[in-house]
Amino acid sequence: MGHQIDTLAEAAEAAAMPRCHEVHATPGMPCIEEAAKSLPQTPVNLKSPAQWAYERLILYIRNFEKTLDEAHEVAMGFAGSDAGTIRIEGMGYFDPDIVTFYGQDQMGMRTQLVQHVSQLSVMLRALPKVVDEAPPTRIGFRLAQDLEQG
């Protein structure tokens, strides 16, 4: 009753599409499930690990930025590393398996981190924006805009 039978092609397509799920203690928090609907509908198995990691990181950054006030910007810490925190100013990937992060470290020094996707483990952090008068930089918007155009 109410059960739909998929064709083999529909079942294979559904299995290849990304799936995600989140639950938050605070109602109304932005969930990655909603953001994932904006991903290009290319089956996962047709993307390199680098492209797939890059696209999902964009979603997580955009979602995180939605929780920030005007006094904060997103930064990224790297677990298991003494690289510290990088204020995110850019991000990219190099097929098949490299993800790059561009920005500034805590001392304001220009920083680029090149990381293999198998080592990817990041923590998004809210840092006070650098210039009090300027609006906070929202890199997630620019990254998502590029993803939508690409």
N, C-alpha and C. Protein backbone atom coordinates (compact mmCIF):
# COMPACT_ATOMS: atom_id res chain seq x y z
N MET A 1 0.85 -1.18 0.00
CA MET A 1 0.00 0.00 0.00
C MET A 1 0.89 1.23 0.00
N GLY A 2 0.81 2.05 -1.06
CA GLY A 2 1.61 3.27 -1.13
C GLY A 2 3.07 3.02 -1.48
N HIS A 3 3.47 1.79 -1.75
CA HIS A 3 4.86 1.47 -2.06
C HIS A 3 5.10 1.67 -3.54
N GLN A 4 6.16 2.40 -3.87
CA GLN A 4 6.46 2.68 -5.27
C GLN A 4 7.60 1.77 -5.72
N ILE A 5 7.45 1.17 -6.87
CA ILE A 5 8.49 0.32 -7.43
C ILE A 5 9.28 1.16 -8.42
N ASP A 6 10.59 1.27 -8.18
CA ASP A 6 11.45 2.03 -9.07
C ASP A 6 11.98 1.12 -10.17
N THR A 7 12.25 1.73 -11.30
CA THR A 7 12.91 0.97 -12.36
C THR A 7 14.35 0.77 -11.92
N LEU A 8 15.05 -0.13 -12.57
CA LEU A 8 16.45 -0.38 -12.26
C LEU A 8 17.26 0.90 -12.45
N ALA A 9 16.95 1.65 -13.52
CA ALA A 9 17.67 2.91 -13.78
C ALA A 9 17.41 3.93 -12.68
N GLU A 10 16.15 4.05 -12.22
CA GLU A 10 15.83 4.99 -11.15
C GLU A 10 16.52 4.59 -9.84
N ALA A 11 16.56 3.31 -9.56
CA ALA A 11 17.21 2.83 -8.35
C ALA A 11 18.72 3.10 -8.41
N ALA A 12 19.33 2.86 -9.55
CA ALA A 12 20.77 3.11 -9.70
C ALA A 12 21.07 4.60 -9.59
N GLU A 13 20.23 5.45 -10.18
CA GLU A 13 20.43 6.90 -10.10
C GLU A 13 20.29 7.38 -8.66
N ALA A 14 19.28 6.90 -7.95
CA ALA A 14 19.08 7.30 -6.56
C ALA A 14 20.26 6.88 -5.69
N ALA A 15 20.82 5.70 -5.96
CA ALA A 15 21.95 5.21 -5.18
C ALA A 15 23.21 6.04 -5.43
N ALA A 16 23.31 6.64 -6.60
CA ALA A 16 24.49 7.42 -6.95
C ALA A 16 24.40 8.88 -6.52
N MET A 17 23.22 9.35 -6.12
CA MET A 17 23.04 10.74 -5.72
C MET A 17 23.42 10.90 -4.25
N PRO A 18 23.89 12.08 -3.87
CA PRO A 18 24.31 12.30 -2.48
C PRO A 18 23.12 12.27 -1.52
N ARG A 19 23.36 11.72 -0.34
CA ARG A 19 22.36 11.71 0.73
C ARG A 19 23.02 12.27 1.99
N CYS A 20 22.24 12.96 2.80
CA CYS A 20 22.76 13.48 4.06
C CYS A 20 21.59 13.67 5.01
N HIS A 21 21.91 13.84 6.29
CA HIS A 21 20.88 14.01 7.31
C HIS A 21 21.51 14.67 8.53
N GLU A 22 20.79 15.59 9.15
CA GLU A 22 21.25 16.26 10.37
C GLU A 22 20.09 16.48 11.32
N VAL A 23 20.40 16.52 12.60
CA VAL A 23 19.44 16.90 13.64
C VAL A 23 20.17 17.88 14.56
N HIS A 24 19.51 19.00 14.88
CA HIS A 24 20.11 20.01 15.75
C HIS A 24 19.26 20.16 17.02
N ALA A 25 19.92 20.49 18.13
CA ALA A 25 19.21 20.73 19.38
C ALA A 25 18.36 22.00 19.30
N THR A 26 18.83 22.99 18.55
CA THR A 26 18.11 24.25 18.41
C THR A 26 17.27 24.22 17.14
N PRO A 27 15.96 24.35 17.27
CA PRO A 27 15.11 24.37 16.07
C PRO A 27 15.46 25.55 15.16
N GLY A 28 15.33 25.35 13.86
CA GLY A 28 15.56 26.42 12.91
C GLY A 28 16.99 26.60 12.47
N MET A 29 17.92 25.79 12.99
CA MET A 29 19.31 25.90 12.55
C MET A 29 19.39 25.47 11.09
N PRO A 30 20.25 26.14 10.30
CA PRO A 30 20.37 25.74 8.89
C PRO A 30 20.93 24.32 8.79
N CYS A 31 20.26 23.48 8.03
CA CYS A 31 20.68 22.09 7.87
C CYS A 31 21.31 21.89 6.50
N ILE A 32 22.28 21.02 6.45
CA ILE A 32 22.99 20.74 5.22
C ILE A 32 22.09 20.05 4.21
N GLU A 33 21.04 19.36 4.68
CA GLU A 33 20.10 18.68 3.77
C GLU A 33 19.47 19.68 2.81
N GLU A 34 19.05 20.82 3.32
CA GLU A 34 18.43 21.84 2.49
C GLU A 34 19.46 22.42 1.52
N ALA A 35 20.66 22.67 2.01
CA ALA A 35 21.72 23.23 1.17
C ALA A 35 22.14 22.25 0.08
N ALA A 36 22.09 20.96 0.37
CA ALA A 36 22.53 19.94 -0.60
C ALA A 36 21.68 19.93 -1.86
N LYS A 37 20.47 20.44 -1.77
CA LYS A 37 19.59 20.48 -2.94
C LYS A 37 20.14 21.40 -4.03
N SER A 38 21.06 22.33 -3.64
CA SER A 38 21.63 23.25 -4.61
C SER A 38 22.83 22.66 -5.34
N LEU A 39 23.31 21.49 -4.91
CA LEU A 39 24.44 20.85 -5.59
C LEU A 39 24.06 20.47 -7.01
N PRO A 40 25.00 20.59 -7.95
CA PRO A 40 24.72 20.08 -9.29
C PRO A 40 24.33 18.61 -9.19
N GLN A 41 23.29 18.20 -9.87
CA GLN A 41 22.77 16.84 -9.74
C GLN A 41 23.56 15.84 -10.58
N THR A 42 24.87 15.84 -10.37
CA THR A 42 25.75 14.88 -11.02
C THR A 42 25.93 13.71 -10.08
N PRO A 43 25.76 12.50 -10.55
CA PRO A 43 25.96 11.35 -9.66
C PRO A 43 27.35 11.38 -9.02
N VAL A 44 27.41 10.98 -7.75
CA VAL A 44 28.64 11.01 -6.97
C VAL A 44 29.78 10.28 -7.69
N ASN A 45 29.45 9.15 -8.31
CA ASN A 45 30.50 8.33 -8.93
C ASN A 45 31.10 8.98 -10.18
N LEU A 46 30.56 10.10 -10.64
CA LEU A 46 31.12 10.80 -11.79
C LEU A 46 32.01 11.98 -11.37
N LYS A 47 32.18 12.18 -10.06
CA LYS A 47 33.01 13.27 -9.55
C LYS A 47 34.28 12.68 -8.93
N SER A 48 35.36 13.42 -9.06
CA SER A 48 36.60 13.00 -8.39
C SER A 48 36.42 13.21 -6.88
N PRO A 49 37.20 12.51 -6.06
CA PRO A 49 37.14 12.77 -4.62
C PRO A 49 37.41 14.23 -4.28
N ALA A 50 38.29 14.89 -5.02
CA ALA A 50 38.60 16.30 -4.77
C ALA A 50 37.39 17.19 -5.05
N GLN A 51 36.74 16.99 -6.19
CA GLN A 51 35.58 17.80 -6.54
C GLN A 51 34.45 17.56 -5.55
N TRP A 52 34.24 16.33 -5.18
CA TRP A 52 33.17 15.97 -4.26
C TRP A 52 33.42 16.61 -2.89
N ALA A 53 34.65 16.55 -2.39
CA ALA A 53 34.99 17.18 -1.10
C ALA A 53 34.82 18.69 -1.18
N TYR A 54 35.29 19.30 -2.26
CA TYR A 54 35.19 20.75 -2.47
C TYR A 54 33.73 21.21 -2.44
N GLU A 55 32.87 20.54 -3.18
CA GLU A 55 31.47 20.94 -3.24
C GLU A 55 30.78 20.83 -1.89
N ARG A 56 31.05 19.77 -1.16
CA ARG A 56 30.41 19.62 0.14
C ARG A 56 30.96 20.61 1.15
N LEU A 57 32.25 20.92 1.10
CA LEU A 57 32.80 21.94 1.99
C LEU A 57 32.14 23.29 1.74
N ILE A 58 31.86 23.61 0.48
CA ILE A 58 31.16 24.86 0.18
C ILE A 58 29.82 24.90 0.90
N LEU A 59 29.09 23.79 0.86
CA LEU A 59 27.79 23.74 1.53
C LEU A 59 27.94 23.95 3.03
N TYR A 60 28.92 23.29 3.62
CA TYR A 60 29.12 23.44 5.07
C TYR A 60 29.52 24.86 5.43
N ILE A 61 30.38 25.48 4.63
CA ILE A 61 30.79 26.86 4.90
C ILE A 61 29.60 27.81 4.79
N ARG A 62 28.81 27.67 3.72
CA ARG A 62 27.61 28.52 3.55
C ARG A 62 26.67 28.36 4.73
N ASN A 63 26.43 27.12 5.14
CA ASN A 63 25.52 26.88 6.27
C ASN A 63 26.07 27.50 7.55
N PHE A 64 27.36 27.35 7.78
CA PHE A 64 27.98 27.91 8.98
C PHE A 64 27.86 29.43 8.98
N GLU A 65 28.09 30.06 7.82
CA GLU A 65 28.01 31.51 7.73
C GLU A 65 26.60 32.02 8.04
N LYS A 66 25.59 31.23 7.78
CA LYS A 66 24.22 31.64 8.10
C LYS A 66 24.01 31.81 9.60
N THR A 67 24.85 31.20 10.42
CA THR A 67 24.72 31.30 11.87
C THR A 67 25.53 32.46 12.45
N LEU A 68 26.31 33.15 11.62
CA LEU A 68 27.19 34.21 12.11
C LEU A 68 26.51 35.57 12.11
N ASP A 69 26.91 36.41 13.06
CA ASP A 69 26.43 37.79 13.07
C ASP A 69 27.37 38.65 12.23
N GLU A 70 27.10 39.94 12.16
CA GLU A 70 27.88 40.86 11.32
C GLU A 70 29.30 41.09 11.85
N ALA A 71 29.59 40.67 13.07
CA ALA A 71 30.90 40.91 13.65
C ALA A 71 31.86 39.75 13.44
N HIS A 72 31.39 38.66 12.80
CA HIS A 72 32.22 37.47 12.66
C HIS A 72 32.31 36.98 11.22
N GLU A 73 33.43 36.30 10.93
CA GLU A 73 33.66 35.67 9.64
C GLU A 73 34.04 34.21 9.89
N VAL A 74 33.97 33.40 8.85
CA VAL A 74 34.31 32.00 8.99
C VAL A 74 35.82 31.81 8.86
N ALA A 75 36.33 30.92 9.67
CA ALA A 75 37.73 30.49 9.60
C ALA A 75 37.73 28.98 9.70
N MET A 76 38.85 28.39 9.40
CA MET A 76 38.94 26.94 9.38
C MET A 76 40.13 26.50 10.20
N GLY A 77 39.90 25.56 11.11
CA GLY A 77 40.98 24.94 11.85
C GLY A 77 41.18 23.54 11.28
N PHE A 78 42.38 23.03 11.40
CA PHE A 78 42.68 21.73 10.81
C PHE A 78 43.04 20.74 11.91
N ALA A 79 42.19 19.74 12.06
CA ALA A 79 42.36 18.74 13.11
C ALA A 79 43.62 17.92 12.85
N GLY A 80 44.30 17.56 13.93
CA GLY A 80 45.49 16.74 13.82
C GLY A 80 46.67 17.46 13.20
N SER A 81 46.66 18.78 13.24
CA SER A 81 47.71 19.56 12.59
C SER A 81 48.03 20.76 13.46
N ASP A 82 49.26 21.24 13.34
CA ASP A 82 49.60 22.47 14.04
C ASP A 82 49.55 23.67 13.09
N ALA A 83 48.77 23.52 12.00
CA ALA A 83 48.60 24.61 11.03
C ALA A 83 47.82 25.77 11.64
N GLY A 84 47.09 25.51 12.73
CA GLY A 84 46.32 26.57 13.37
C GLY A 84 45.04 26.85 12.63
N THR A 85 44.62 28.11 12.68
CA THR A 85 43.37 28.52 12.06
C THR A 85 43.67 29.42 10.87
N ILE A 86 42.92 29.21 9.79
CA ILE A 86 43.06 30.04 8.59
C ILE A 86 41.75 30.77 8.36
N ARG A 87 41.83 32.10 8.24
CA ARG A 87 40.67 32.89 7.83
C ARG A 87 40.49 32.60 6.35
N ILE A 88 39.38 32.01 5.96
CA ILE A 88 39.19 31.50 4.60
C ILE A 88 38.97 32.65 3.62
N GLU A 89 39.85 32.74 2.63
CA GLU A 89 39.72 33.73 1.57
C GLU A 89 39.55 33.08 0.21
N GLY A 90 39.77 31.78 0.13
CA GLY A 90 39.61 31.07 -1.13
C GLY A 90 39.75 29.58 -0.90
N MET A 91 39.25 28.83 -1.85
CA MET A 91 39.30 27.38 -1.75
C MET A 91 39.28 26.82 -3.16
N GLY A 92 39.91 25.68 -3.38
CA GLY A 92 39.91 25.07 -4.69
C GLY A 92 40.21 23.59 -4.60
N TYR A 93 40.23 22.94 -5.75
CA TYR A 93 40.61 21.53 -5.79
C TYR A 93 41.40 21.25 -7.05
N PHE A 94 42.17 20.17 -7.02
CA PHE A 94 42.98 19.73 -8.14
C PHE A 94 42.72 18.24 -8.26
N ASP A 95 42.01 17.85 -9.32
CA ASP A 95 41.68 16.43 -9.52
C ASP A 95 42.94 15.59 -9.57
N PRO A 96 42.90 14.39 -9.06
CA PRO A 96 41.71 13.73 -8.54
C PRO A 96 41.52 13.85 -7.04
N ASP A 97 42.53 14.35 -6.27
CA ASP A 97 42.46 14.15 -4.83
C ASP A 97 43.05 15.24 -3.95
N ILE A 98 43.25 16.44 -4.47
CA ILE A 98 43.85 17.53 -3.69
C ILE A 98 42.83 18.66 -3.49
N VAL A 99 42.73 19.15 -2.27
CA VAL A 99 41.90 20.31 -1.94
C VAL A 99 42.83 21.38 -1.39
N THR A 100 42.63 22.64 -1.80
CA THR A 100 43.50 23.73 -1.34
C THR A 100 42.67 24.80 -0.62
N PHE A 101 43.29 25.41 0.37
CA PHE A 101 42.66 26.48 1.14
C PHE A 101 43.60 27.67 1.14
N TYR A 102 43.06 28.87 0.87
CA TYR A 102 43.83 30.09 0.83
C TYR A 102 43.30 31.04 1.90
N GLY A 103 44.20 31.78 2.54
CA GLY A 103 43.74 32.74 3.53
C GLY A 103 44.88 33.35 4.30
N GLN A 104 44.57 33.70 5.55
CA GLN A 104 45.56 34.27 6.46
C GLN A 104 45.51 33.51 7.77
N ASP A 105 46.68 33.33 8.36
CA ASP A 105 46.72 32.68 9.67
C ASP A 105 46.45 33.70 10.78
N GLN A 106 46.59 33.28 12.03
CA GLN A 106 46.28 34.14 13.17
C GLN A 106 47.17 35.39 13.22
N MET A 107 48.35 35.32 12.61
CA MET A 107 49.28 36.45 12.62
C MET A 107 49.08 37.36 11.40
N GLY A 108 48.11 37.03 10.54
CA GLY A 108 47.87 37.84 9.35
C GLY A 108 48.77 37.49 8.19
N MET A 109 49.51 36.38 8.31
CA MET A 109 50.41 35.95 7.24
C MET A 109 49.63 35.22 6.16
N ARG A 110 49.96 35.49 4.88
CA ARG A 110 49.33 34.82 3.75
C ARG A 110 49.59 33.32 3.90
N THR A 111 48.53 32.53 3.76
CA THR A 111 48.62 31.09 4.01
C THR A 111 47.91 30.32 2.91
N GLN A 112 48.52 29.20 2.51
CA GLN A 112 47.86 28.26 1.61
C GLN A 112 48.11 26.86 2.15
N LEU A 113 47.04 26.11 2.30
CA LEU A 113 47.16 24.72 2.74
C LEU A 113 46.74 23.83 1.59
N VAL A 114 47.58 22.87 1.24
CA VAL A 114 47.28 21.89 0.20
C VAL A 114 47.11 20.57 0.92
N GLN A 115 45.95 19.93 0.74
CA GLN A 115 45.66 18.74 1.53
C GLN A 115 45.06 17.64 0.66
N HIS A 116 45.49 16.41 0.90
CA HIS A 116 44.92 15.25 0.23
C HIS A 116 43.55 14.98 0.85
N VAL A 117 42.58 14.59 0.03
CA VAL A 117 41.22 14.41 0.55
C VAL A 117 41.14 13.33 1.63
N SER A 118 42.04 12.37 1.62
CA SER A 118 42.01 11.33 2.66
C SER A 118 42.43 11.87 4.01
N GLN A 119 43.08 13.04 4.03
CA GLN A 119 43.51 13.67 5.28
C GLN A 119 42.59 14.80 5.71
N LEU A 120 41.54 15.04 4.97
CA LEU A 120 40.67 16.18 5.20
C LEU A 120 39.87 16.03 6.49
N SER A 121 40.10 16.92 7.40
CA SER A 121 39.37 16.98 8.65
C SER A 121 39.46 18.42 9.13
N VAL A 122 38.38 19.17 8.97
CA VAL A 122 38.41 20.59 9.28
C VAL A 122 37.37 20.95 10.33
N MET A 123 37.63 22.05 11.01
CA MET A 123 36.70 22.58 11.99
C MET A 123 36.41 24.02 11.58
N LEU A 124 35.14 24.35 11.35
CA LEU A 124 34.77 25.72 11.02
C LEU A 124 34.65 26.52 12.31
N ARG A 125 35.20 27.73 12.32
CA ARG A 125 35.19 28.57 13.51
C ARG A 125 34.73 29.97 13.15
N ALA A 126 34.13 30.64 14.11
CA ALA A 126 33.73 32.03 13.95
C ALA A 126 34.84 32.90 14.56
N LEU A 127 35.43 33.75 13.75
CA LEU A 127 36.44 34.69 14.22
C LEU A 127 35.93 36.11 14.03
N PRO A 128 36.30 37.02 14.94
CA PRO A 128 35.91 38.42 14.74
C PRO A 128 36.46 38.91 13.41
N LYS A 129 35.66 39.67 12.67
CA LYS A 129 36.13 40.20 11.39
C LYS A 129 37.28 41.16 11.66
N VAL A 130 38.10 41.36 10.64
CA VAL A 130 39.33 42.14 10.79
C VAL A 130 39.07 43.63 10.88
N VAL A 131 38.27 44.19 9.98
CA VAL A 131 38.04 45.63 9.92
C VAL A 131 36.65 45.92 10.47
N ASP A 132 36.57 46.76 11.50
CA ASP A 132 35.29 47.04 12.14
C ASP A 132 34.27 47.69 11.22
N GLU A 133 34.71 48.55 10.31
CA GLU A 133 33.77 49.28 9.47
C GLU A 133 33.25 48.44 8.29
N ALA A 134 34.05 47.55 7.79
CA ALA A 134 33.68 46.78 6.59
C ALA A 134 32.72 45.66 6.95
N PRO A 135 31.82 45.31 6.02
CA PRO A 135 30.95 44.16 6.28
C PRO A 135 31.80 42.89 6.30
N PRO A 136 31.36 41.86 7.02
CA PRO A 136 32.14 40.63 7.07
C PRO A 136 32.23 39.99 5.68
N THR A 137 33.35 39.36 5.41
CA THR A 137 33.53 38.65 4.14
C THR A 137 32.78 37.33 4.22
N ARG A 138 31.97 37.03 3.20
CA ARG A 138 31.22 35.78 3.15
C ARG A 138 31.72 34.97 1.96
N ILE A 139 32.81 34.24 2.17
CA ILE A 139 33.41 33.43 1.12
C ILE A 139 32.46 32.33 0.66
N GLY A 140 31.63 31.82 1.55
CA GLY A 140 30.69 30.76 1.18
C GLY A 140 29.77 31.17 0.05
N PHE A 141 29.34 32.42 0.05
CA PHE A 141 28.48 32.93 -1.02
C PHE A 141 29.21 32.89 -2.36
N ARG A 142 30.46 33.36 -2.37
CA ARG A 142 31.23 33.39 -3.62
C ARG A 142 31.50 31.96 -4.11
N LEU A 143 31.85 31.07 -3.19
CA LEU A 143 32.11 29.68 -3.57
C LEU A 143 30.86 29.02 -4.14
N ALA A 144 29.73 29.23 -3.49
CA ALA A 144 28.48 28.63 -3.96
C ALA A 144 28.07 29.22 -5.31
N GLN A 145 28.27 30.51 -5.49
CA GLN A 145 27.95 31.15 -6.76
C GLN A 145 28.78 30.54 -7.89
N ASP A 146 30.07 30.28 -7.63
CA ASP A 146 30.93 29.66 -8.60
C ASP A 146 30.47 28.23 -8.90
N LEU A 147 30.07 27.52 -7.87
CA LEU A 147 29.58 26.14 -8.03
C LEU A 147 28.33 26.10 -8.88
N GLU A 148 27.41 27.04 -8.65
CA GLU A 148 26.16 27.09 -9.42
C GLU A 148 26.41 27.44 -10.89
N GLN A 149 27.42 28.28 -11.14
CA GLN A 149 27.75 28.66 -12.52
C GLN A 149 28.51 27.57 -13.25
N GLY A 150 29.25 26.75 -12.48
CA GLY A 150 30.14 25.76 -13.06
C GLY A 150 29.46 24.58 -13.60
